[in-house]
PDB file of all heavy atoms in Angstrom:
ATOM      1  N   GLU A   1    -118.818  20.835-161.154  1.00  0.00           N
ATOM      2  CA  GLU A   1    -120.082  21.512-160.853  1.00  0.00           C
ATOM      3  C   GLU A   1    -119.894  22.415-159.648  1.00  0.00           C
ATOM      4  O   GLU A   1    -119.361  21.998-158.623  1.00  0.00           O
ATOM      5  CB  GLU A   1    -121.174  20.476-160.573  1.00  0.00           C
ATOM      6  CG  GLU A   1    -122.531  21.099-160.274  1.00  0.00           C
ATOM      7  CD  GLU A   1    -123.598  20.048-160.096  1.00  0.00           C
ATOM      8  OE1 GLU A   1    -123.435  18.945-160.648  1.00  0.00           O
ATOM      9  OE2 GLU A   1    -124.581  20.336-159.405  1.00  0.00           O
ATOM     10  N   VAL A   2    -120.308  23.666-159.804  1.00  0.00           N
ATOM     11  CA  VAL A   2    -120.236  24.633-158.710  1.00  0.00           C
ATOM     12  C   VAL A   2    -121.652  25.083-158.379  1.00  0.00           C
ATOM     13  O   VAL A   2    -122.385  25.533-159.259  1.00  0.00           O
ATOM     14  CB  VAL A   2    -119.372  25.852-159.101  1.00  0.00           C
ATOM     15  CG1 VAL A   2    -119.371  26.866-157.968  1.00  0.00           C
ATOM     16  CG2 VAL A   2    -117.952  25.411-159.426  1.00  0.00           C
ATOM     17  N   CYS A   3    -122.059  24.969-157.138  1.00  0.00           N
ATOM     18  CA  CYS A   3    -123.408  25.351-156.716  1.00  0.00           C
ATOM     19  C   CYS A   3    -123.327  26.558-155.790  1.00  0.00           C
ATOM     20  O   CYS A   3    -122.522  26.581-154.848  1.00  0.00           O
ATOM     21  CB  CYS A   3    -124.082  24.196-155.993  1.00  0.00           C
ATOM     22  SG  CYS A   3    -124.338  22.721-157.024  1.00  0.00           S
ATOM     23  N   ALA A   4    -124.160  27.553-156.086  1.00  0.00           N
ATOM     24  CA  ALA A   4    -124.197  28.753-155.252  1.00  0.00           C
ATOM     25  C   ALA A   4    -125.489  29.494-155.522  1.00  0.00           C
ATOM     26  O   ALA A   4    -126.139  29.293-156.554  1.00  0.00           O
ATOM     27  CB  ALA A   4    -122.999  29.651-155.538  1.00  0.00           C
ATOM     28  N   ARG A   5    -125.876  30.393-154.604  1.00  0.00           N
ATOM     29  CA  ARG A   5    -127.074  31.213-154.767  1.00  0.00           C
ATOM     30  C   ARG A   5    -126.744  32.562-155.371  1.00  0.00           C
ATOM     31  O   ARG A   5    -127.603  33.217-155.961  1.00  0.00           O
ATOM     32  CB  ARG A   5    -127.745  31.417-153.404  1.00  0.00           C
ATOM     33  CG  ARG A   5    -128.294  30.153-152.782  1.00  0.00           C
ATOM     34  CD  ARG A   5    -129.532  29.677-153.520  1.00  0.00           C
ATOM     35  NE  ARG A   5    -130.574  30.679-153.513  1.00  0.00           N
ATOM     36  CZ  ARG A   5    -131.459  30.818-152.519  1.00  0.00           C
ATOM     37  NH1 ARG A   5    -131.394  30.027-151.474  1.00  0.00           N
ATOM     38  NH2 ARG A   5    -132.389  31.749-152.591  1.00  0.00           N
ATOM     39  N   LYS A   6    -125.473  32.984-155.230  1.00  0.00           N
ATOM     40  CA  LYS A   6    -125.120  34.306-155.708  1.00  0.00           C
ATOM     41  C   LYS A   6    -123.631  34.371-156.045  1.00  0.00           C
ATOM     42  O   LYS A   6    -122.798  33.834-155.328  1.00  0.00           O
ATOM     43  CB  LYS A   6    -125.450  35.359-154.642  1.00  0.00           C
ATOM     44  CG  LYS A   6    -125.234  36.792-155.068  1.00  0.00           C
ATOM     45  CD  LYS A   6    -125.718  37.742-153.978  1.00  0.00           C
ATOM     46  CE  LYS A   6    -125.585  39.200-154.393  1.00  0.00           C
ATOM     47  NZ  LYS A   6    -126.083  40.121-153.357  1.00  0.00           N
ATOM     48  N   PHE A   7    -123.329  35.023-157.174  1.00  0.00           N
ATOM     49  CA  PHE A   7    -121.951  35.286-157.573  1.00  0.00           C
ATOM     50  C   PHE A   7    -121.776  36.792-157.757  1.00  0.00           C
ATOM     51  O   PHE A   7    -122.668  37.471-158.266  1.00  0.00           O
ATOM     52  CB  PHE A   7    -121.600  34.589-158.890  1.00  0.00           C
ATOM     53  CG  PHE A   7    -121.481  33.100-158.782  1.00  0.00           C
ATOM     54  CD1 PHE A   7    -122.545  32.280-159.133  1.00  0.00           C
ATOM     55  CD2 PHE A   7    -120.301  32.511-158.347  1.00  0.00           C
ATOM     56  CE1 PHE A   7    -122.444  30.910-159.044  1.00  0.00           C
ATOM     57  CE2 PHE A   7    -120.187  31.141-158.257  1.00  0.00           C
ATOM     58  CZ  PHE A   7    -121.257  30.329-158.593  1.00  0.00           C
ATOM     59  N   LYS A   8    -120.621  37.305-157.362  1.00  0.00           N
ATOM     60  CA  LYS A   8    -120.316  38.725-157.550  1.00  0.00           C
ATOM     61  C   LYS A   8    -118.903  38.849-158.112  1.00  0.00           C
ATOM     62  O   LYS A   8    -117.967  38.236-157.609  1.00  0.00           O
ATOM     63  CB  LYS A   8    -120.424  39.473-156.231  1.00  0.00           C
ATOM     64  CG  LYS A   8    -120.129  40.958-156.343  1.00  0.00           C
ATOM     65  CD  LYS A   8    -120.152  41.631-154.978  1.00  0.00           C
ATOM     66  CE  LYS A   8    -121.554  41.687-154.414  1.00  0.00           C
ATOM     67  NZ  LYS A   8    -121.603  42.500-153.168  1.00  0.00           N
ATOM     68  N   LEU A   9    -118.766  39.661-159.176  1.00  0.00           N
ATOM     69  CA  LEU A   9    -117.464  39.934-159.761  1.00  0.00           C
ATOM     70  C   LEU A   9    -117.113  41.393-159.522  1.00  0.00           C
ATOM     71  O   LEU A   9    -117.935  42.284-159.729  1.00  0.00           O
ATOM     72  CB  LEU A   9    -117.474  39.653-161.272  1.00  0.00           C
ATOM     73  CG  LEU A   9    -117.798  38.217-161.700  1.00  0.00           C
ATOM     74  CD1 LEU A   9    -117.770  38.117-163.220  1.00  0.00           C
ATOM     75  CD2 LEU A   9    -116.836  37.227-161.085  1.00  0.00           C
ATOM     76  N   VAL A  10    -115.876  41.636-159.086  1.00  0.00           N
ATOM     77  CA  VAL A  10    -115.407  42.995-158.832  1.00  0.00           C
ATOM     78  C   VAL A  10    -114.176  43.264-159.682  1.00  0.00           C
ATOM     79  O   VAL A  10    -113.450  42.345-160.068  1.00  0.00           O
ATOM     80  CB  VAL A  10    -115.089  43.208-157.339  1.00  0.00           C
ATOM     81  CG1 VAL A  10    -116.329  43.012-156.489  1.00  0.00           C
ATOM     82  CG2 VAL A  10    -113.984  42.264-156.884  1.00  0.00           C
ATOM     83  N   ASP A  11    -113.948  44.547-159.978  1.00  0.00           N
ATOM     84  CA  ASP A  11    -112.766  44.904-160.753  1.00  0.00           C
ATOM     85  C   ASP A  11    -111.571  45.141-159.834  1.00  0.00           C
ATOM     86  O   ASP A  11    -111.637  44.905-158.619  1.00  0.00           O
ATOM     87  CB  ASP A  11    -113.043  46.126-161.640  1.00  0.00           C
ATOM     88  CG  ASP A  11    -113.421  47.362-160.839  1.00  0.00           C
ATOM     89  OD1 ASP A  11    -113.127  47.400-159.633  1.00  0.00           O
ATOM     90  OD2 ASP A  11    -113.999  48.296-161.433  1.00  0.00           O
ATOM     91  N   GLU A  12    -110.455  45.605-160.419  1.00  0.00           N
ATOM     92  CA  GLU A  12    -109.234  45.786-159.640  1.00  0.00           C
ATOM     93  C   GLU A  12    -109.365  46.867-158.570  1.00  0.00           C
ATOM     94  O   GLU A  12    -108.574  46.928-157.627  1.00  0.00           O
ATOM     95  CB  GLU A  12    -108.058  46.125-160.567  1.00  0.00           C
ATOM     96  CG  GLU A  12    -108.197  47.437-161.321  1.00  0.00           C
ATOM     97  CD  GLU A  12    -109.029  47.320-162.575  1.00  0.00           C
ATOM     98  OE1 GLU A  12    -109.610  46.232-162.805  1.00  0.00           O
ATOM     99  OE2 GLU A  12    -109.098  48.303-163.337  1.00  0.00           O
ATOM    100  N   LYS A  13    -110.401  47.730-158.676  1.00  0.00           N
ATOM    101  CA  LYS A  13    -110.628  48.775-157.680  1.00  0.00           C
ATOM    102  C   LYS A  13    -111.637  48.348-156.614  1.00  0.00           C
ATOM    103  O   LYS A  13    -111.989  49.138-155.739  1.00  0.00           O
ATOM    104  CB  LYS A  13    -111.107  50.050-158.360  1.00  0.00           C
ATOM    105  CG  LYS A  13    -110.082  50.654-159.312  1.00  0.00           C
ATOM    106  CD  LYS A  13    -110.613  51.915-159.959  1.00  0.00           C
ATOM    107  CE  LYS A  13    -109.607  52.512-160.920  1.00  0.00           C
ATOM    108  NZ  LYS A  13    -110.114  53.741-161.581  1.00  0.00           N
ATOM    109  N   GLY A  14    -112.136  47.120-156.733  1.00  0.00           N
ATOM    110  CA  GLY A  14    -113.089  46.620-155.755  1.00  0.00           C
ATOM    111  C   GLY A  14    -114.534  46.950-156.056  1.00  0.00           C
ATOM    112  O   GLY A  14    -115.419  46.625-155.271  1.00  0.00           O
ATOM    113  N   LYS A  15    -114.808  47.592-157.203  1.00  0.00           N
ATOM    114  CA  LYS A  15    -116.186  47.933-157.563  1.00  0.00           C
ATOM    115  C   LYS A  15    -116.889  46.731-158.183  1.00  0.00           C
ATOM    116  O   LYS A  15    -116.304  46.007-158.985  1.00  0.00           O
ATOM    117  CB  LYS A  15    -116.202  49.109-158.541  1.00  0.00           C
ATOM    118  CG  LYS A  15    -115.784  50.428-157.922  1.00  0.00           C
ATOM    119  CD  LYS A  15    -115.997  51.572-158.888  1.00  0.00           C
ATOM    120  CE  LYS A  15    -115.675  52.905-158.228  1.00  0.00           C
ATOM    121  NZ  LYS A  15    -115.911  54.047-159.145  1.00  0.00           N
ATOM    122  N   THR A  16    -118.144  46.560-157.791  1.00  0.00           N
ATOM    123  CA  THR A  16    -118.929  45.447-158.323  1.00  0.00           C
ATOM    124  C   THR A  16    -119.262  45.697-159.791  1.00  0.00           C
ATOM    125  O   THR A  16    -119.822  46.728-160.134  1.00  0.00           O
ATOM    126  CB  THR A  16    -120.226  45.267-157.519  1.00  0.00           C
ATOM    127  OG1 THR A  16    -119.900  45.004-156.158  1.00  0.00           O
ATOM    128  CG2 THR A  16    -121.034  44.108-158.074  1.00  0.00           C
ATOM    129  N   ARG A  17    -118.914  44.755-160.650  1.00  0.00           N
ATOM    130  CA  ARG A  17    -119.165  44.900-162.076  1.00  0.00           C
ATOM    131  C   ARG A  17    -120.198  43.922-162.596  1.00  0.00           C
ATOM    132  O   ARG A  17    -120.802  44.146-163.646  1.00  0.00           O
ATOM    133  CB  ARG A  17    -117.859  44.725-162.856  1.00  0.00           C
ATOM    134  CG  ARG A  17    -116.765  45.700-162.467  1.00  0.00           C
ATOM    135  CD  ARG A  17    -117.169  47.125-162.803  1.00  0.00           C
ATOM    136  NE  ARG A  17    -117.340  47.319-164.222  1.00  0.00           N
ATOM    137  CZ  ARG A  17    -116.370  47.631-165.071  1.00  0.00           C
ATOM    138  NH1 ARG A  17    -115.135  47.786-164.619  1.00  0.00           N
ATOM    139  NH2 ARG A  17    -116.608  47.810-166.350  1.00  0.00           N
ATOM    140  N   ALA A  18    -120.428  42.821-161.871  1.00  0.00           N
ATOM    141  CA  ALA A  18    -121.422  41.840-162.302  1.00  0.00           C
ATOM    142  C   ALA A  18    -121.941  41.082-161.084  1.00  0.00           C
ATOM    143  O   ALA A  18    -121.183  40.758-160.169  1.00  0.00           O
ATOM    144  CB  ALA A  18    -120.836  40.867-163.312  1.00  0.00           C
ATOM    145  N   VAL A  19    -123.257  40.813-161.082  1.00  0.00           N
ATOM    146  CA  VAL A  19    -123.883  40.046-160.015  1.00  0.00           C
ATOM    147  C   VAL A  19    -124.841  39.043-160.642  1.00  0.00           C
ATOM    148  O   VAL A  19    -125.699  39.413-161.456  1.00  0.00           O
ATOM    149  CB  VAL A  19    -124.658  40.950-159.030  1.00  0.00           C
ATOM    150  CG1 VAL A  19    -125.355  40.095-157.972  1.00  0.00           C
ATOM    151  CG2 VAL A  19    -123.733  41.959-158.373  1.00  0.00           C
ATOM    152  N   MET A  20    -124.677  37.786-160.290  1.00  0.00           N
ATOM    153  CA  MET A  20    -125.612  36.741-160.704  1.00  0.00           C
ATOM    154  C   MET A  20    -126.299  36.231-159.447  1.00  0.00           C
ATOM    155  O   MET A  20    -125.641  35.856-158.480  1.00  0.00           O
ATOM    156  CB  MET A  20    -124.880  35.606-161.417  1.00  0.00           C
ATOM    157  CG  MET A  20    -125.805  34.516-161.941  1.00  0.00           C
ATOM    158  SD  MET A  20    -124.887  33.161-162.736  1.00  0.00           S
ATOM    159  CE  MET A  20    -124.186  34.035-164.125  1.00  0.00           C
ATOM    160  N   ASP A  21    -127.630  36.227-159.463  1.00  0.00           N
ATOM    161  CA  ASP A  21    -128.364  35.954-158.228  1.00  0.00           C
ATOM    162  C   ASP A  21    -129.627  35.169-158.549  1.00  0.00           C
ATOM    163  O   ASP A  21    -130.113  35.171-159.682  1.00  0.00           O
ATOM    164  CB  ASP A  21    -128.723  37.284-157.547  1.00  0.00           C
ATOM    165  CG  ASP A  21    -129.089  37.103-156.087  1.00  0.00           C
ATOM    166  OD1 ASP A  21    -129.076  35.954-155.609  1.00  0.00           O
ATOM    167  OD2 ASP A  21    -129.402  38.109-155.430  1.00  0.00           O
ATOM    168  N   VAL A  22    -130.170  34.489-157.547  1.00  0.00           N
ATOM    169  CA  VAL A  22    -131.458  33.799-157.642  1.00  0.00           C
ATOM    170  C   VAL A  22    -132.292  34.240-156.456  1.00  0.00           C
ATOM    171  O   VAL A  22    -131.874  34.085-155.305  1.00  0.00           O
ATOM    172  CB  VAL A  22    -131.297  32.263-157.637  1.00  0.00           C
ATOM    173  CG1 VAL A  22    -132.664  31.596-157.712  1.00  0.00           C
ATOM    174  CG2 VAL A  22    -130.424  31.810-158.792  1.00  0.00           C
ATOM    175  N   MET A  23    -133.488  34.810-156.752  1.00  0.00           N
ATOM    176  CA  MET A  23    -134.317  35.378-155.694  1.00  0.00           C
ATOM    177  C   MET A  23    -135.755  34.909-155.833  1.00  0.00           C
ATOM    178  O   MET A  23    -136.599  35.571-156.422  1.00  0.00           O
ATOM    179  CB  MET A  23    -134.268  36.911-155.733  1.00  0.00           C
ATOM    180  CG  MET A  23    -132.886  37.506-155.525  1.00  0.00           C
ATOM    181  SD  MET A  23    -132.890  39.307-155.653  1.00  0.00           S
ATOM    182  CE  MET A  23    -134.057  39.748-154.354  1.00  0.00           C
ATOM    183  N   GLY A  24    -136.065  33.747-155.326  1.00  0.00           N
ATOM    184  CA  GLY A  24    -137.425  33.247-155.240  1.00  0.00           C
ATOM    185  C   GLY A  24    -138.229  33.389-156.519  1.00  0.00           C
ATOM    186  O   GLY A  24    -137.800  32.988-157.603  1.00  0.00           O
ATOM    187  N   LYS A  25    -139.424  34.016-156.405  1.00  0.00           N
ATOM    188  CA  LYS A  25    -140.291  34.188-157.560  1.00  0.00           C
ATOM    189  C   LYS A  25    -139.720  35.141-158.596  1.00  0.00           C
ATOM    190  O   LYS A  25    -140.146  35.135-159.747  1.00  0.00           O
ATOM    191  CB  LYS A  25    -141.673  34.683-157.114  1.00  0.00           C
ATOM    192  CG  LYS A  25    -142.466  33.666-156.301  1.00  0.00           C
ATOM    193  CD  LYS A  25    -143.848  34.191-155.989  1.00  0.00           C
ATOM    194  CE  LYS A  25    -144.649  33.160-155.212  1.00  0.00           C
ATOM    195  NZ  LYS A  25    -146.028  33.643-154.904  1.00  0.00           N
TER     196      LYS A  25
END
């Protein structure tokens, strides 16, 4: 089990390609 509020995936150039987040309401 992995617990976190936010995950970010970047490609080989460092650009953000995916973000999973939880923001209140």
